Amino acid sequence: MSDPPKYILEGLEKQSPETLREIAQIAAEMADNKERQLVTELEEKEIDDRPKDLDRDDAPSNATLTTKEINGNRYYYWQWREGEKIKSEYIRPVDPKR
């Protein structure tokens, strides 16, 4: 963890214990919101990066598009969990020309 900026620490040192607890709660809520926002942005980017021809209606409802590298070649797979097992379904090469 990196140290907070000096100007923030100087301001915090002037606060009462009650105010510091309130600030800590606000900061924790802000951190939670920021993490949720980052996860949402990552999920949206993954959807945007997905090749349009892989939006299949017959993919398992809880499947995630993944890539696997085998012998130097990359392939698309649907991957999902069924109970304790992870299932995969081959789709096609990432580079269809190969």
Protein backbone atom coordinates (compact mmCIF):
# COMPACT_ATOMS: atom_id res chain seq x y z
CA MET A 1 0.00 0.00 0.00
CA SER A 2 1.32 3.44 -0.86
CA ASP A 3 1.31 6.31 1.61
CA PRO A 4 -1.50 8.85 1.23
CA PRO A 5 -0.46 12.29 -0.02
CA LYS A 6 1.00 14.54 2.65
CA TYR A 7 -1.73 17.18 2.23
CA ILE A 8 -4.40 14.58 3.08
CA LEU A 9 -2.53 13.33 6.16
CA GLU A 10 -2.00 16.88 7.41
CA GLY A 11 -5.74 17.54 7.13
CA LEU A 12 -6.63 14.29 8.88
CA GLU A 13 -4.30 14.99 11.80
CA LYS A 14 -6.42 18.04 12.66
CA GLN A 15 -9.67 16.06 12.93
CA SER A 16 -11.42 14.66 16.01
CA PRO A 17 -11.71 10.90 16.54
CA GLU A 18 -15.42 11.07 15.64
CA THR A 19 -14.73 12.90 12.39
CA LEU A 20 -11.92 10.47 11.54
CA ARG A 21 -14.32 7.53 12.00
CA GLU A 22 -16.86 9.23 9.72
CA ILE A 23 -14.15 9.89 7.14
CA ALA A 24 -13.05 6.25 7.38
CA GLN A 25 -16.61 5.07 6.72
CA ILE A 26 -16.99 7.45 3.77
CA ALA A 27 -13.61 6.33 2.37
CA ALA A 28 -14.58 2.65 2.70
CA GLU A 29 -17.85 3.30 0.85
CA MET A 30 -16.01 5.24 -1.85
CA ALA A 31 -13.51 2.37 -2.24
CA ASP A 32 -16.36 -0.16 -2.59
CA ASN A 33 -18.06 2.00 -5.21
CA LYS A 34 -14.79 2.46 -7.11
CA GLU A 35 -14.16 -1.31 -7.12
CA ARG A 36 -17.68 -1.99 -8.43
CA GLN A 37 -17.16 0.63 -11.13
CA LEU A 38 -13.84 -0.92 -12.19
CA VAL A 39 -15.40 -4.40 -12.37
CA THR A 40 -18.29 -3.05 -14.46
CA GLU A 41 -15.88 -1.29 -16.82
CA LEU A 42 -13.83 -4.48 -17.18
CA GLU A 43 -16.95 -6.54 -17.92
CA GLU A 44 -18.10 -3.99 -20.51
CA LYS A 45 -14.67 -4.01 -22.15
CA GLU A 46 -14.75 -7.81 -22.36
CA ILE A 47 -18.15 -7.65 -24.03
CA ASP A 48 -16.94 -4.96 -26.46
CA ASP A 49 -13.84 -7.02 -27.32
CA ARG A 50 -15.89 -10.14 -28.04
CA PRO A 51 -16.06 -10.94 -31.76
CA LYS A 52 -19.61 -10.34 -32.94
CA ASP A 53 -19.89 -13.78 -34.53
CA LEU A 54 -19.47 -15.37 -31.08
CA ASP A 55 -22.71 -13.97 -29.66
CA ARG A 56 -24.42 -17.33 -29.88
CA ASP A 57 -27.83 -18.03 -28.46
CA ASP A 58 -26.92 -21.66 -27.87
CA ALA A 59 -24.02 -20.91 -25.49
CA PRO A 60 -24.68 -21.98 -21.90
CA SER A 61 -26.40 -19.15 -20.05
CA ASN A 62 -23.61 -18.78 -17.49
CA ALA A 63 -20.74 -19.26 -19.95
CA THR A 64 -17.83 -16.86 -20.31
CA LEU A 65 -15.85 -16.48 -23.50
CA THR A 66 -12.25 -17.54 -22.89
CA THR A 67 -9.18 -18.12 -25.01
CA LYS A 68 -6.76 -21.00 -24.65
CA GLU A 69 -3.34 -21.30 -26.21
CA ILE A 70 -2.43 -24.76 -27.47
CA ASN A 71 0.82 -25.42 -29.35
CA GLY A 72 1.24 -21.71 -30.09
CA ASN A 73 -2.31 -21.31 -31.48
CA ARG A 74 -5.14 -19.50 -29.68
CA TYR A 75 -8.70 -20.83 -29.61
CA TYR A 76 -12.03 -19.51 -28.33
CA TYR A 77 -13.98 -21.61 -25.84
CA TRP A 78 -17.14 -21.14 -23.84
CA GLN A 79 -16.36 -21.94 -20.21
CA TRP A 80 -18.76 -22.36 -17.31
CA ARG A 81 -19.13 -24.09 -13.96
CA GLU A 82 -21.46 -27.00 -13.27
CA GLY A 83 -21.32 -27.74 -9.57
CA GLU A 84 -17.68 -28.37 -8.72
CA LYS A 85 -16.60 -28.95 -12.34
CA ILE A 86 -15.53 -26.43 -14.95
CA LYS A 87 -16.90 -27.24 -18.40
CA SER A 88 -15.56 -25.98 -21.73
CA GLU A 89 -16.92 -25.99 -25.26
CA TYR A 90 -14.65 -25.36 -28.26
CA ILE A 91 -15.82 -22.59 -30.61
CA ARG A 92 -13.12 -21.80 -33.18
CA PRO A 93 -9.56 -20.47 -33.61
CA VAL A 94 -9.03 -16.84 -32.56
CA ASP A 95 -7.49 -16.25 -35.98
CA PRO A 96 -9.95 -18.00 -38.37
CA LYS A 97 -7.34 -17.96 -41.16
CA ARG A 98 -5.20 -20.54 -39.36
